[in-house]
């Protein structure tokens, strides 16, 4: 009996670009996480050999940075936030000189971190270890332009932009983490179920040591994540745009 012949993997016939590699890396990260992003898996997805990929990127560190930069670029692209009407709900218009455009920037990043579970830790790594990287400077520029448009005094630009950037990324990362923990509770669990488990745990705290947390748990933790996020942005904006009283 003749043994079956092993089918050779298909090889691409068109040239491979860096953009195609980064797109495929983002897809792998979305489906398999950072651990699933290997050059072998990437080679199979792109129907090419590892050498062709190494021609464009030096290694996994560079590939992760490129994928992170790509996700941030898409999130900050005009019209990508999908926030039409959201800023208006909060009582502001999405125009230069109002917090509306800042809402769009923030919600674009908020949605990107929710869409790509791997993105939050990568952004933290870029900000912490590579403050001059394209990712960090792109974020700082996008938020800083809106701070400038709000007529914030120049002496407050750095502090205001830093506060907003850390709030936006921190809140987005926490939201994404909550969604992951909700899924870990089971296929039928959702975000509301997860928040109920947190509230129940808080209710078991000592009322003498944690009176505020206990009171909050008694009220319930249900809320609209996006509305709460925008409200946090507005709180910071209110602070950075307040003029000190004249001497």
C-alpha atoms as a PDB file:
ATOM      1  CA  UNK A   1       0.000   0.000   0.000  1.00  0.00           C
ATOM      2  CA  UNK A   2       1.411   3.356  -0.996  1.00  0.00           C
ATOM      3  CA  UNK A   3       1.618   5.761   1.964  1.00  0.00           C
ATOM      4  CA  UNK A   4      -0.292   9.009   1.499  1.00  0.00           C
ATOM      5  CA  UNK A   5       1.798  11.858   0.285  1.00  0.00           C
ATOM      6  CA  UNK A   6       2.187  14.752   2.688  1.00  0.00           C
ATOM      7  CA  UNK A   7       0.738  17.949   1.312  1.00  0.00           C
ATOM      8  CA  UNK A   8       3.304  20.698   1.214  1.00  0.00           C
ATOM      9  CA  UNK A   9       2.274  23.975   2.807  1.00  0.00           C
ATOM     10  CA  UNK A  10       1.273  26.634   0.340  1.00  0.00           C
ATOM     11  CA  UNK A  11       3.798  29.356  -0.306  1.00  0.00           C
ATOM     12  CA  UNK A  12       2.880  32.896  -1.115  1.00  0.00           C
ATOM     13  CA  UNK A  13       3.624  34.106  -4.594  1.00  0.00           C
ATOM     14  CA  UNK A  14       3.359  37.856  -3.940  1.00  0.00           C
ATOM     15  CA  UNK A  15       5.970  40.001  -2.163  1.00  0.00           C
ATOM     16  CA  UNK A  16       5.641  40.305   1.608  1.00  0.00           C
ATOM     17  CA  UNK A  17       5.419  43.775   3.166  1.00  0.00           C
ATOM     18  CA  UNK A  18       5.988  44.984   6.713  1.00  0.00           C
ATOM     19  CA  UNK A  19       2.350  46.130   6.842  1.00  0.00           C
ATOM     20  CA  UNK A  20       1.116  42.620   6.062  1.00  0.00           C
ATOM     21  CA  UNK A  21       3.336  41.198   8.777  1.00  0.00           C
ATOM     22  CA  UNK A  22       2.058  43.681  11.360  1.00  0.00           C
ATOM     23  CA  UNK A  23      -1.586  43.040  10.392  1.00  0.00           C
ATOM     24  CA  UNK A  24      -1.066  39.300  10.764  1.00  0.00           C
ATOM     25  CA  UNK A  25       0.686  39.829  14.105  1.00  0.00           C
ATOM     26  CA  UNK A  26      -2.292  41.845  15.403  1.00  0.00           C
ATOM     27  CA  UNK A  27      -4.653  39.049  14.339  1.00  0.00           C
ATOM     28  CA  UNK A  28      -2.522  36.457  16.124  1.00  0.00           C
ATOM     29  CA  UNK A  29      -2.339  38.573  19.263  1.00  0.00           C
ATOM     30  CA  UNK A  30      -6.118  39.003  19.252  1.00  0.00           C
ATOM     31  CA  UNK A  31      -6.780  35.277  18.929  1.00  0.00           C
ATOM     32  CA  UNK A  32      -3.867  33.718  20.826  1.00  0.00           C
ATOM     33  CA  UNK A  33      -2.354  36.438  23.028  1.00  0.00           C
ATOM     34  CA  UNK A  34       1.295  37.346  23.337  1.00  0.00           C
ATOM     35  CA  UNK A  35       2.266  33.714  23.926  1.00  0.00           C
ATOM     36  CA  UNK A  36       0.732  32.741  20.600  1.00  0.00           C
ATOM     37  CA  UNK A  37       2.718  35.285  18.644  1.00  0.00           C
ATOM     38  CA  UNK A  38       5.629  33.229  17.353  1.00  0.00           C
ATOM     39  CA  UNK A  39       7.509  33.515  14.093  1.00  0.00           C
ATOM     40  CA  UNK A  40       6.483  29.948  13.276  1.00  0.00           C
ATOM     41  CA  UNK A  41       2.779  30.768  13.678  1.00  0.00           C
ATOM     42  CA  UNK A  42       3.287  33.990  11.767  1.00  0.00           C
ATOM     43  CA  UNK A  43       5.064  32.135   8.954  1.00  0.00           C
ATOM     44  CA  UNK A  44       2.171  29.690   8.633  1.00  0.00           C
ATOM     45  CA  UNK A  45      -0.389  32.484   8.557  1.00  0.00           C
ATOM     46  CA  UNK A  46       1.528  34.420   5.924  1.00  0.00           C
ATOM     47  CA  UNK A  47       2.487  31.285   3.926  1.00  0.00           C
ATOM     48  CA  UNK A  48       6.163  32.185   3.970  1.00  0.00           C
ATOM     49  CA  UNK A  49       9.388  31.307   5.710  1.00  0.00           C
ATOM     50  CA  UNK A  50      10.729  32.966   8.887  1.00  0.00           C
ATOM     51  CA  UNK A  51      13.569  34.485   6.896  1.00  0.00           C
ATOM     52  CA  UNK A  52      11.173  36.629   4.885  1.00  0.00           C
ATOM     53  CA  UNK A  53       9.697  37.977   8.125  1.00  0.00           C
ATOM     54  CA  UNK A  54      13.100  38.654   9.677  1.00  0.00           C
ATOM     55  CA  UNK A  55      13.908  40.721   6.601  1.00  0.00           C
ATOM     56  CA  UNK A  56      11.305  43.252   7.821  1.00  0.00           C
ATOM     57  CA  UNK A  57      11.427  42.912  11.638  1.00  0.00           C
ATOM     58  CA  UNK A  58      14.399  42.021  13.819  1.00  0.00           C
ATOM     59  CA  UNK A  59      12.523  39.992  16.429  1.00  0.00           C
ATOM     60  CA  UNK A  60       9.460  39.638  18.628  1.00  0.00           C
ATOM     61  CA  UNK A  61      10.167  42.800  20.632  1.00  0.00           C
ATOM     62  CA  UNK A  62      10.148  44.934  17.501  1.00  0.00           C
ATOM     63  CA  UNK A  63       7.077  43.085  16.224  1.00  0.00           C
ATOM     64  CA  UNK A  64       5.135  43.753  19.457  1.00  0.00           C
ATOM     65  CA  UNK A  65       6.080  47.434  19.327  1.00  0.00           C
ATOM     66  CA  UNK A  66       4.957  47.652  15.690  1.00  0.00           C
ATOM     67  CA  UNK A  67       1.647  45.921  16.452  1.00  0.00           C
ATOM     68  CA  UNK A  68       1.062  48.267  19.397  1.00  0.00           C
ATOM     69  CA  UNK A  69       1.835  51.314  17.271  1.00  0.00           C
ATOM     70  CA  UNK A  70      -0.526  50.058  14.573  1.00  0.00           C
ATOM     71  CA  UNK A  71      -3.396  49.556  17.051  1.00  0.00           C
ATOM     72  CA  UNK A  72      -2.853  53.035  18.516  1.00  0.00           C
ATOM     73  CA  UNK A  73      -2.673  54.642  15.066  1.00  0.00           C
ATOM     74  CA  UNK A  74      -5.993  53.064  14.071  1.00  0.00           C
ATOM     75  CA  UNK A  75      -7.578  54.068  17.398  1.00  0.00           C
ATOM     76  CA  UNK A  76      -6.536  57.700  16.969  1.00  0.00           C
ATOM     77  CA  UNK A  77      -7.551  57.993  13.310  1.00  0.00           C
ATOM     78  CA  UNK A  78     -10.295  60.609  12.796  1.00  0.00           C
ATOM     79  CA  UNK A  79     -13.739  59.046  12.748  1.00  0.00           C
ATOM     80  CA  UNK A  80     -12.553  55.685  14.108  1.00  0.00           C
ATOM     81  CA  UNK A  81     -13.737  56.179  17.690  1.00  0.00           C
ATOM     82  CA  UNK A  82     -17.375  55.630  16.760  1.00  0.00           C
ATOM     83  CA  UNK A  83     -18.449  58.228  19.290  1.00  0.00           C
ATOM     84  CA  UNK A  84     -20.980  60.213  17.282  1.00  0.00           C
ATOM     85  CA  UNK A  85     -23.480  61.464  19.832  1.00  0.00           C
ATOM     86  CA  UNK A  86     -21.504  60.233  22.830  1.00  0.00           C
ATOM     87  CA  UNK A  87     -19.868  63.563  23.509  1.00  0.00           C
ATOM     88  CA  UNK A  88     -23.191  65.290  22.931  1.00  0.00           C
ATOM     89  CA  UNK A  89     -24.772  63.112  25.605  1.00  0.00           C
ATOM     90  CA  UNK A  90     -22.273  64.525  28.067  1.00  0.00           C
ATOM     91  CA  UNK A  91     -23.245  68.026  27.013  1.00  0.00           C
ATOM     92  CA  UNK A  92     -20.306  68.883  24.777  1.00  0.00           C
ATOM     93  CA  UNK A  93     -19.764  69.059  21.046  1.00  0.00           C
ATOM     94  CA  UNK A  94     -16.999  67.254  19.195  1.00  0.00           C
ATOM     95  CA  UNK A  95     -15.267  70.406  17.994  1.00  0.00           C
ATOM     96  CA  UNK A  96     -11.931  72.056  18.622  1.00  0.00           C
ATOM     97  CA  UNK A  97     -11.930  74.061  21.830  1.00  0.00           C
ATOM     98  CA  UNK A  98     -14.375  71.796  23.694  1.00  0.00           C
ATOM     99  CA  UNK A  99     -13.855  68.458  25.484  1.00  0.00           C
ATOM    100  CA  UNK A 100     -15.762  66.684  22.692  1.00  0.00           C
ATOM    101  CA  UNK A 101     -12.688  65.908  20.597  1.00  0.00           C
ATOM    102  CA  UNK A 102     -10.873  64.781  23.745  1.00  0.00           C
ATOM    103  CA  UNK A 103     -13.776  62.385  24.365  1.00  0.00           C
ATOM    104  CA  UNK A 104     -13.233  60.989  20.870  1.00  0.00           C
ATOM    105  CA  UNK A 105      -9.521  60.470  21.457  1.00  0.00           C
ATOM    106  CA  UNK A 106     -10.132  58.853  24.833  1.00  0.00           C
ATOM    107  CA  UNK A 107     -12.956  56.602  23.657  1.00  0.00           C
ATOM    108  CA  UNK A 108     -10.954  55.557  20.602  1.00  0.00           C
ATOM    109  CA  UNK A 109      -8.226  54.268  22.920  1.00  0.00           C
ATOM    110  CA  UNK A 110     -10.792  52.867  25.395  1.00  0.00           C
ATOM    111  CA  UNK A 111     -12.400  50.797  22.639  1.00  0.00           C
ATOM    112  CA  UNK A 112      -9.054  49.698  21.204  1.00  0.00           C
ATOM    113  CA  UNK A 113      -7.884  48.327  24.562  1.00  0.00           C
ATOM    114  CA  UNK A 114     -11.205  46.495  24.960  1.00  0.00           C
ATOM    115  CA  UNK A 115     -10.942  45.102  21.420  1.00  0.00           C
ATOM    116  CA  UNK A 116      -7.309  44.004  21.815  1.00  0.00           C
ATOM    117  CA  UNK A 117      -6.815  42.380  25.279  1.00  0.00           C
ATOM    118  CA  UNK A 118      -3.032  42.310  24.763  1.00  0.00           C
ATOM    119  CA  UNK A 119      -2.790  46.069  24.163  1.00  0.00           C
ATOM    120  CA  UNK A 120      -2.973  47.412  27.744  1.00  0.00           C
ATOM    121  CA  UNK A 121       0.210  45.706  29.015  1.00  0.00           C
ATOM    122  CA  UNK A 122       2.049  46.632  25.833  1.00  0.00           C
ATOM    123  CA  UNK A 123       1.113  50.298  26.257  1.00  0.00           C
ATOM    124  CA  UNK A 124       2.288  50.206  29.858  1.00  0.00           C
ATOM    125  CA  UNK A 125       5.599  48.709  28.746  1.00  0.00           C
ATOM    126  CA  UNK A 126       6.068  51.344  26.048  1.00  0.00           C
ATOM    127  CA  UNK A 127       5.325  54.240  28.414  1.00  0.00           C
ATOM    128  CA  UNK A 128       7.511  52.839  31.190  1.00  0.00           C
ATOM    129  CA  UNK A 129      10.540  51.691  29.220  1.00  0.00           C
ATOM    130  CA  UNK A 130      10.407  53.656  25.942  1.00  0.00           C
ATOM    131  CA  UNK A 131       9.226  57.218  26.615  1.00  0.00           C
ATOM    132  CA  UNK A 132      10.584  58.386  23.248  1.00  0.00           C
ATOM    133  CA  UNK A 133       9.039  55.534  21.229  1.00  0.00           C
ATOM    134  CA  UNK A 134       6.575  56.217  18.394  1.00  0.00           C
ATOM    135  CA  UNK A 135       3.746  54.827  20.546  1.00  0.00           C
ATOM    136  CA  UNK A 136       4.420  57.091  23.528  1.00  0.00           C
ATOM    137  CA  UNK A 137       4.962  60.219  21.474  1.00  0.00           C
ATOM    138  CA  UNK A 138       1.888  59.505  19.329  1.00  0.00           C
ATOM    139  CA  UNK A 139      -0.282  59.236  22.444  1.00  0.00           C
ATOM    140  CA  UNK A 140       1.217  62.339  24.038  1.00  0.00           C
ATOM    141  CA  UNK A 141       0.782  64.355  20.849  1.00  0.00           C
ATOM    142  CA  UNK A 142      -2.836  63.316  20.313  1.00  0.00           C
ATOM    143  CA  UNK A 143      -3.882  64.166  23.867  1.00  0.00           C
ATOM    144  CA  UNK A 144      -1.629  67.224  24.117  1.00  0.00           C
ATOM    145  CA  UNK A 145      -3.167  68.836  21.045  1.00  0.00           C
ATOM    146  CA  UNK A 146      -6.575  68.682  22.701  1.00  0.00           C
ATOM    147  CA  UNK A 147      -5.159  70.137  25.920  1.00  0.00           C
ATOM    148  CA  UNK A 148      -3.740  73.002  23.863  1.00  0.00           C
ATOM    149  CA  UNK A 149      -7.110  73.480  22.128  1.00  0.00           C
ATOM    150  CA  UNK A 150      -8.759  73.874  25.537  1.00  0.00           C
ATOM    151  CA  UNK A 151      -6.612  76.971  26.107  1.00  0.00           C
ATOM    152  CA  UNK A 152      -4.792  75.439  29.062  1.00  0.00           C
ATOM    153  CA  UNK A 153      -1.892  77.668  30.205  1.00  0.00           C
ATOM    154  CA  UNK A 154       1.456  76.521  28.833  1.00  0.00           C
ATOM    155  CA  UNK A 155       2.789  75.999  32.354  1.00  0.00           C
ATOM    156  CA  UNK A 156       0.212  73.200  32.793  1.00  0.00           C
ATOM    157  CA  UNK A 157       0.593  71.441  29.445  1.00  0.00           C
ATOM    158  CA  UNK A 158       2.868  68.639  30.599  1.00  0.00           C
ATOM    159  CA  UNK A 159       1.034  67.931  33.848  1.00  0.00           C
ATOM    160  CA  UNK A 160      -2.413  68.107  32.252  1.00  0.00           C
ATOM    161  CA  UNK A 161      -1.477  65.893  29.299  1.00  0.00           C
ATOM    162  CA  UNK A 162       0.256  63.365  31.547  1.00  0.00           C
ATOM    163  CA  UNK A 163      -2.743  63.193  33.905  1.00  0.00           C
ATOM    164  CA  UNK A 164      -5.160  62.638  31.045  1.00  0.00           C
ATOM    165  CA  UNK A 165      -2.963  60.049  29.346  1.00  0.00           C
ATOM    166  CA  UNK A 166      -2.505  58.009  32.513  1.00  0.00           C
ATOM    167  CA  UNK A 167      -6.201  58.208  33.345  1.00  0.00           C
ATOM    168  CA  UNK A 168      -7.303  57.190  29.840  1.00  0.00           C
ATOM    169  CA  UNK A 169      -4.943  54.219  29.607  1.00  0.00           C
ATOM    170  CA  UNK A 170      -5.468  53.160  33.223  1.00  0.00           C
ATOM    171  CA  UNK A 171      -9.262  53.239  33.022  1.00  0.00           C
ATOM    172  CA  UNK A 172      -9.236  51.490  29.645  1.00  0.00           C
ATOM    173  CA  UNK A 173      -6.925  48.775  30.964  1.00  0.00           C
ATOM    174  CA  UNK A 174      -9.080  48.230  34.058  1.00  0.00           C
ATOM    175  CA  UNK A 175     -12.211  47.948  31.933  1.00  0.00           C
ATOM    176  CA  UNK A 176     -10.556  45.366  29.686  1.00  0.00           C
ATOM    177  CA  UNK A 177      -9.344  43.408  32.717  1.00  0.00           C
ATOM    178  CA  UNK A 178     -12.864  43.366  34.174  1.00  0.00           C
ATOM    179  CA  UNK A 179     -14.211  41.893  30.946  1.00  0.00           C
ATOM    180  CA  UNK A 180     -11.552  39.172  30.986  1.00  0.00           C
ATOM    181  CA  UNK A 181     -12.356  38.297  34.613  1.00  0.00           C
ATOM    182  CA  UNK A 182     -16.066  38.184  33.786  1.00  0.00           C
ATOM    183  CA  UNK A 183     -15.399  35.636  31.031  1.00  0.00           C
ATOM    184  CA  UNK A 184     -13.340  33.576  33.459  1.00  0.00           C
ATOM    185  CA  UNK A 185     -16.432  33.124  35.655  1.00  0.00           C
ATOM    186  CA  UNK A 186     -18.063  30.980  32.975  1.00  0.00           C
ATOM    187  CA  UNK A 187     -19.711  31.113  29.559  1.00  0.00           C
ATOM    188  CA  UNK A 188     -22.952  32.534  30.973  1.00  0.00           C
ATOM    189  CA  UNK A 189     -21.267  35.226  33.077  1.00  0.00           C
ATOM    190  CA  UNK A 190     -21.096  38.817  31.942  1.00  0.00           C
ATOM    191  CA  UNK A 191     -19.734  42.084  33.270  1.00  0.00           C
ATOM    192  CA  UNK A 192     -22.747  42.537  35.570  1.00  0.00           C
ATOM    193  CA  UNK A 193     -22.200  39.129  37.175  1.00  0.00           C
ATOM    194  CA  UNK A 194     -18.554  40.000  37.798  1.00  0.00           C
ATOM    195  CA  UNK A 195     -19.439  43.342  39.418  1.00  0.00           C
ATOM    196  CA  UNK A 196     -21.979  41.556  41.636  1.00  0.00           C
ATOM    197  CA  UNK A 197     -19.236  39.221  42.889  1.00  0.00           C
ATOM    198  CA  UNK A 198     -17.045  42.232  43.696  1.00  0.00           C
ATOM    199  CA  UNK A 199     -19.905  43.954  45.519  1.00  0.00           C
ATOM    200  CA  UNK A 200     -20.597  40.833  47.578  1.00  0.00           C
ATOM    201  CA  UNK A 201     -16.922  40.580  48.535  1.00  0.00           C
ATOM    202  CA  UNK A 202     -16.897  44.243  49.613  1.00  0.00           C
ATOM    203  CA  UNK A 203     -19.978  43.688  51.766  1.00  0.00           C
ATOM    204  CA  UNK A 204     -17.981  41.200  53.823  1.00  0.00           C
ATOM    205  CA  UNK A 205     -15.414  43.851  54.789  1.00  0.00           C
ATOM    206  CA  UNK A 206     -15.254  45.287  58.284  1.00  0.00           C
ATOM    207  CA  UNK A 207     -17.696  48.247  58.548  1.00  0.00           C
ATOM    208  CA  UNK A 208     -15.303  49.928  60.983  1.00  0.00           C
ATOM    209  CA  UNK A 209     -12.291  49.720  58.681  1.00  0.00           C
ATOM    210  CA  UNK A 210     -14.066  50.135  55.315  1.00  0.00           C
ATOM    211  CA  UNK A 211     -17.219  52.226  55.869  1.00  0.00           C
ATOM    212  CA  UNK A 212     -17.103  53.938  52.468  1.00  0.00           C
ATOM    213  CA  UNK A 213     -16.410  50.764  50.471  1.00  0.00           C
ATOM    214  CA  UNK A 214     -19.185  48.928  52.319  1.00  0.00           C
ATOM    215  CA  UNK A 215     -21.641  51.765  51.625  1.00  0.00           C
ATOM    216  CA  UNK A 216     -20.697  51.746  47.944  1.00  0.00           C
ATOM    217  CA  UNK A 217     -21.216  47.985  47.729  1.00  0.00           C
ATOM    218  CA  UNK A 218     -24.668  48.350  49.309  1.00  0.00           C
ATOM    219  CA  UNK A 219     -25.611  50.784  46.535  1.00  0.00           C
ATOM    220  CA  UNK A 220     -24.462  48.332  43.853  1.00  0.00           C
ATOM    221  CA  UNK A 221     -21.635  48.714  41.348  1.00  0.00           C
ATOM    222  CA  UNK A 222     -23.693  48.641  38.141  1.00  0.00           C
ATOM    223  CA  UNK A 223     -22.798  51.487  35.774  1.00  0.00           C
ATOM    224  CA  UNK A 224     -22.198  52.342  32.129  1.00  0.00           C
ATOM    225  CA  UNK A 225     -18.454  51.935  31.555  1.00  0.00           C
ATOM    226  CA  UNK A 226     -18.224  54.402  28.680  1.00  0.00           C
ATOM    227  CA  UNK A 227     -20.323  57.060  30.434  1.00  0.00           C
ATOM    228  CA  UNK A 228     -18.228  56.690  33.580  1.00  0.00           C
ATOM    229  CA  UNK A 229     -15.051  56.928  31.524  1.00  0.00           C
ATOM    230  CA  UNK A 230     -16.168  60.155  29.807  1.00  0.00           C
ATOM    231  CA  UNK A 231     -17.215  61.606  33.171  1.00  0.00           C
ATOM    232  CA  UNK A 232     -13.692  60.966  34.466  1.00  0.00           C
ATOM    233  CA  UNK A 233     -12.199  62.792  31.493  1.00  0.00           C
ATOM    234  CA  UNK A 234     -14.518  65.725  32.190  1.00  0.00           C
ATOM    235  CA  UNK A 235     -13.455  65.858  35.840  1.00  0.00           C
ATOM    236  CA  UNK A 236      -9.818  66.222  34.801  1.00  0.00           C
ATOM    237  CA  UNK A 237     -10.717  68.778  32.134  1.00  0.00           C
ATOM    238  CA  UNK A 238     -12.643  70.815  34.716  1.00  0.00           C
ATOM    239  CA  UNK A 239      -9.555  70.887  36.899  1.00  0.00           C
ATOM    240  CA  UNK A 240      -6.997  71.786  34.232  1.00  0.00           C
ATOM    241  CA  UNK A 241      -9.153  74.541  32.735  1.00  0.00           C
ATOM    242  CA  UNK A 242      -9.987  76.242  36.030  1.00  0.00           C
ATOM    243  CA  UNK A 243      -8.274  79.591  36.292  1.00  0.00           C
ATOM    244  CA  UNK A 244      -6.780  80.477  39.655  1.00  0.00           C
ATOM    245  CA  UNK A 245      -8.352  83.541  41.306  1.00  0.00           C
ATOM    246  CA  UNK A 246      -6.649  86.814  40.646  1.00  0.00           C
ATOM    247  CA  UNK A 247      -4.305  87.983  43.376  1.00  0.00           C
END
